[in-house]
Structure formats: C-alpha cells, structure tokens
Protein backbone atom coordinates (compact mmCIF):
# COMPACT_ATOMS: atom_id res chain seq x y z
CA UNK A 1 114.90 75.03 -79.54
CA UNK A 2 114.65 72.97 -76.36
CA UNK A 3 111.48 70.88 -76.18
CA UNK A 4 110.47 70.19 -72.58
CA UNK A 5 108.10 67.46 -73.79
CA UNK A 6 111.16 65.35 -74.54
CA UNK A 7 112.68 65.96 -71.12
CA UNK A 8 110.05 64.00 -69.27
CA UNK A 9 109.62 60.25 -69.10
CA UNK A 10 106.48 59.86 -71.20
CA UNK A 11 105.99 56.19 -70.32
CA UNK A 12 106.17 56.89 -66.59
CA UNK A 13 103.73 59.79 -66.78
CA UNK A 14 101.32 57.86 -69.01
CA UNK A 15 101.29 54.92 -66.61
CA UNK A 16 100.86 57.28 -63.66
CA UNK A 17 98.06 59.46 -65.11
CA UNK A 18 96.21 57.37 -67.71
CA UNK A 19 93.16 56.90 -65.48
CA UNK A 20 92.86 60.64 -64.97
CA UNK A 21 92.81 61.10 -68.74
CA UNK A 22 90.04 58.51 -69.10
CA UNK A 23 92.27 56.10 -71.00
CA UNK A 24 91.33 52.41 -70.83
CA UNK A 25 93.88 49.65 -70.30
CA UNK A 26 93.60 48.67 -73.97
CA UNK A 27 94.09 52.28 -75.09
CA UNK A 28 97.10 52.49 -72.77
CA UNK A 29 98.63 49.46 -74.49
CA UNK A 30 98.10 50.95 -77.95
CA UNK A 31 99.54 54.32 -76.86
CA UNK A 32 102.62 52.67 -75.39
CA UNK A 33 103.14 50.67 -78.58
CA UNK A 34 102.65 53.79 -80.73
CA UNK A 35 105.28 55.57 -78.66
CA UNK A 36 107.60 52.59 -79.07
CA UNK A 37 107.10 52.55 -82.84
CA UNK A 38 107.64 56.31 -83.07
CA UNK A 39 110.90 56.01 -81.11
CA UNK A 40 111.93 53.30 -83.60
CA UNK A 41 111.97 55.96 -86.35
CA UNK A 42 108.52 55.14 -87.69
CA UNK A 43 106.96 58.47 -88.59
CA UNK A 44 103.56 57.06 -89.43
CA UNK A 45 101.99 54.45 -87.19
CA UNK A 46 99.34 52.30 -88.84
CA UNK A 47 96.85 49.79 -87.54
CA UNK A 48 98.65 47.13 -89.57
CA UNK A 49 101.91 47.85 -87.71
CA UNK A 50 100.08 47.67 -84.40
CA UNK A 51 98.47 44.37 -85.39
CA UNK A 52 101.93 42.87 -86.00
CA UNK A 53 103.14 44.01 -82.57
CA UNK A 54 100.06 43.40 -80.42
CA UNK A 55 98.12 40.24 -79.70
CA UNK A 56 94.77 41.89 -80.40
CA UNK A 57 92.49 41.33 -83.40
CA UNK A 58 92.65 43.92 -86.19
CA UNK A 59 89.05 45.05 -85.55
CA UNK A 60 89.71 45.69 -81.88
CA UNK A 61 92.92 47.62 -82.62
CA UNK A 62 91.01 49.67 -85.20
CA UNK A 63 88.29 50.49 -82.65
CA UNK A 64 90.84 51.45 -79.96
CA UNK A 65 92.92 53.49 -82.40
CA UNK A 66 89.85 55.40 -83.61
CA UNK A 67 88.85 56.10 -80.01
CA UNK A 68 92.31 57.58 -79.38
CA UNK A 69 92.01 59.66 -82.56
CA UNK A 70 88.63 60.95 -81.37
CA UNK A 71 90.11 61.87 -77.99
CA UNK A 72 92.96 63.56 -79.92
CA UNK A 73 95.59 61.60 -78.00
CA UNK A 74 96.85 60.34 -81.36
CA UNK A 75 96.83 62.82 -84.23
CA UNK A 76 97.99 62.83 -87.80
CA UNK A 77 99.76 65.97 -88.89
CA UNK A 78 102.10 67.27 -91.57
CA UNK A 79 105.71 67.90 -90.62
CA UNK A 80 108.21 68.96 -93.29
CA UNK A 81 105.79 67.87 -96.02
CA UNK A 82 105.48 64.38 -94.46
CA UNK A 83 102.30 62.91 -92.99
CA UNK A 84 103.20 61.73 -89.48
CA UNK A 85 101.63 60.28 -86.34
CA UNK A 86 101.97 62.49 -83.27
CA UNK A 87 101.39 62.01 -79.55
CA UNK A 88 102.17 65.67 -78.78
CA UNK A 89 98.66 66.50 -77.49
CA UNK A 90 98.79 63.57 -75.09
CA UNK A 91 102.29 64.52 -73.95
CA UNK A 92 101.16 68.10 -73.30
CA UNK A 93 98.18 66.86 -71.25
CA UNK A 94 100.48 64.60 -69.23
CA UNK A 95 102.95 67.42 -68.66
CA UNK A 96 100.10 69.65 -67.50
CA UNK A 97 98.91 67.02 -64.98
CA UNK A 98 102.47 66.52 -63.77
CA UNK A 99 103.02 70.27 -63.34
CA UNK A 100 99.74 70.55 -61.43
CA UNK A 101 100.86 67.78 -59.10
CA UNK A 102 104.22 69.47 -58.57
CA UNK A 103 102.51 72.77 -57.80
CA UNK A 104 100.10 71.05 -55.46
CA UNK A 105 102.96 69.34 -53.62
CA UNK A 106 104.85 72.60 -53.17
CA UNK A 107 101.66 74.32 -51.94
CA UNK A 108 101.17 71.59 -49.38
CA UNK A 109 104.71 71.73 -47.97
CA UNK A 110 103.67 74.40 -45.51
CA UNK A 111 100.56 72.49 -44.48
CA UNK A 112 100.59 69.80 -41.84
CA UNK A 113 100.82 66.20 -42.91
CA UNK A 114 97.65 64.18 -42.98
CA UNK A 115 96.51 63.31 -39.53
CA UNK A 116 97.76 59.78 -38.89
CA UNK A 117 94.60 59.01 -36.93
CA UNK A 118 92.40 60.02 -39.88
CA UNK A 119 94.38 57.82 -42.28
CA UNK A 120 94.15 54.85 -39.94
CA UNK A 121 90.43 55.40 -39.45
CA UNK A 122 89.77 55.42 -43.21
CA UNK A 123 92.10 52.46 -43.85
CA UNK A 124 90.37 50.54 -41.06
CA UNK A 125 86.92 51.22 -42.56
CA UNK A 126 88.07 50.00 -45.96
CA UNK A 127 89.66 46.88 -44.52
CA UNK A 128 86.45 46.17 -42.61
CA UNK A 129 84.27 46.43 -45.73
CA UNK A 130 86.81 44.70 -48.01
CA UNK A 131 87.25 42.00 -45.34
CA UNK A 132 91.02 41.97 -45.98
CA UNK A 133 94.13 44.11 -45.72
CA UNK A 134 94.49 46.86 -48.30
CA UNK A 135 97.15 46.61 -50.98
CA UNK A 136 99.51 49.51 -51.73
CA UNK A 137 97.52 50.69 -54.74
CA UNK A 138 94.37 50.94 -52.65
CA UNK A 139 96.19 52.79 -49.87
CA UNK A 140 97.72 55.19 -52.40
CA UNK A 141 94.28 55.98 -53.84
CA UNK A 142 92.84 56.65 -50.39
CA UNK A 143 95.80 58.88 -49.53
CA UNK A 144 95.31 60.73 -52.80
CA UNK A 145 91.68 61.44 -51.89
CA UNK A 146 92.68 62.66 -48.45
CA UNK A 147 95.52 64.82 -49.79
CA UNK A 148 93.13 66.34 -52.32
CA UNK A 149 90.96 67.46 -49.41
CA UNK A 150 88.10 65.03 -49.93
CA UNK A 151 86.16 64.79 -46.71
CA UNK A 152 86.56 61.50 -44.83
CA UNK A 153 82.79 61.29 -44.42
CA UNK A 154 82.34 61.48 -48.20
CA UNK A 155 84.99 58.77 -48.69
CA UNK A 156 83.35 56.45 -46.13
CA UNK A 157 79.85 57.12 -47.53
CA UNK A 158 81.11 56.26 -51.03
CA UNK A 159 82.68 53.08 -49.65
CA UNK A 160 79.31 52.11 -48.15
CA UNK A 161 77.54 52.91 -51.44
CA UNK A 162 79.96 50.64 -53.34
CA UNK A 163 79.42 47.92 -50.71
CA UNK A 164 75.64 48.19 -51.14
CA UNK A 165 76.08 47.97 -54.91
CA UNK A 166 78.20 44.84 -54.45
CA UNK A 167 81.16 46.38 -56.28
CA UNK A 168 83.97 46.80 -53.79
CA UNK A 169 87.00 48.26 -55.52
CA UNK A 170 88.71 51.63 -55.32
CA UNK A 171 88.02 52.42 -58.98
CA UNK A 172 84.26 52.16 -58.35
CA UNK A 173 84.57 54.16 -55.13
CA UNK A 174 86.59 56.81 -56.98
CA UNK A 175 83.75 57.06 -59.52
CA UNK A 176 81.17 57.41 -56.75
CA UNK A 177 83.24 60.14 -55.08
CA UNK A 178 83.60 61.99 -58.40
CA UNK A 179 79.85 61.74 -59.02
CA UNK A 180 79.03 63.09 -55.54
CA UNK A 181 81.50 65.95 -55.93
CA UNK A 182 79.98 66.85 -59.30
CA UNK A 183 76.47 66.78 -57.81
CA UNK A 184 77.63 69.13 -55.04
CA UNK A 185 79.22 71.38 -57.66
CA UNK A 186 75.98 71.54 -59.66
CA UNK A 187 73.95 72.69 -56.65
C-alpha cells in the first residue's frame, strides 16, 4: 500500500511548520535527529543514542524527549512484535498543515493579490519601529498575516504593543496578534 507520508519531504515540512506546532528550537533539533536515526535503520531511538549525536547534556535531552512524548510527536508503538519509535503522528500533523496551505493557495488564486500599497504601508511601519530594514523572514511573516486576512490595523496595533513592551520581534508580535484574535473569538 502506498504511504503518502513517505512521499513528502518531512525535514522541509518540519522546518517550515514547527512554530505552528508549538515546537521549540531544541525540540526541533531532537526531532530531526530522531528522524535521522530512524532513517539509519534504528527502530528504537533512545536518549542515550541522542546524547551520542547531540551536544546537549543527558538531562536536557531527557526533558526535551519527554516533552515530545507528551505532545505525542514521538510515540512508542509495537510493529510486527517489535517495540519501535514512531514519528507518524507528527508527520500526519505536518501533512495536514501542508494540505491546508495548498487548499488555501488554490482558494486564493481567484482573489486579487495583496494590495502593493498595503504591503508597503505595513513594511514601512515595521521598519520605522524596528529602526532598520526588514529581513526576508520578517517580511514573509508579515505577508503571511496579510494573506491570512489579518487586518492591517490589528497588525500595526500589535507592533505598537510589542514596541511598548520593549520586545520588538515578529515572534512576539505574532503572539500578540494570536492573543488579540483569540480574545475577539471569545467575545
């Protein structure tokens, strides 16, 4: 039977979507190493194996690994009477996010492209508050907000909130936007 989970580039999708899955940088590293070990014909990934491959202390690897087990991104299961490590749940979640993005892109083909003036206005506001030019990652995040239909006023207000908090980065602003959207949802 054809398994579509194997047809996608897991590493690419994980790097592209790990923030959306609430995976920390350290968890990302452990997941990538687990995937590497599993591709190397290791059926069971252990903390000891990870310690030999990573430059992290055993206790930290243990904590990260247990967090990933709790999130069910790493699972232990029985396959053909063998106890194995599996990333199948994570791969399914990544495939789901990817499919949603593909569907969203095809839905938007008929819609007009983002107004160039709006993009420039938002970029300009960010560059003013950041007191520098935006890098590509920052521009991509802003474009993602705009493409997802987040109101420019909400984006700018969140930028100002981050500025007032003294934490000017797109990750913080993304969190502020998410919080405001959730508050609006709860009303």
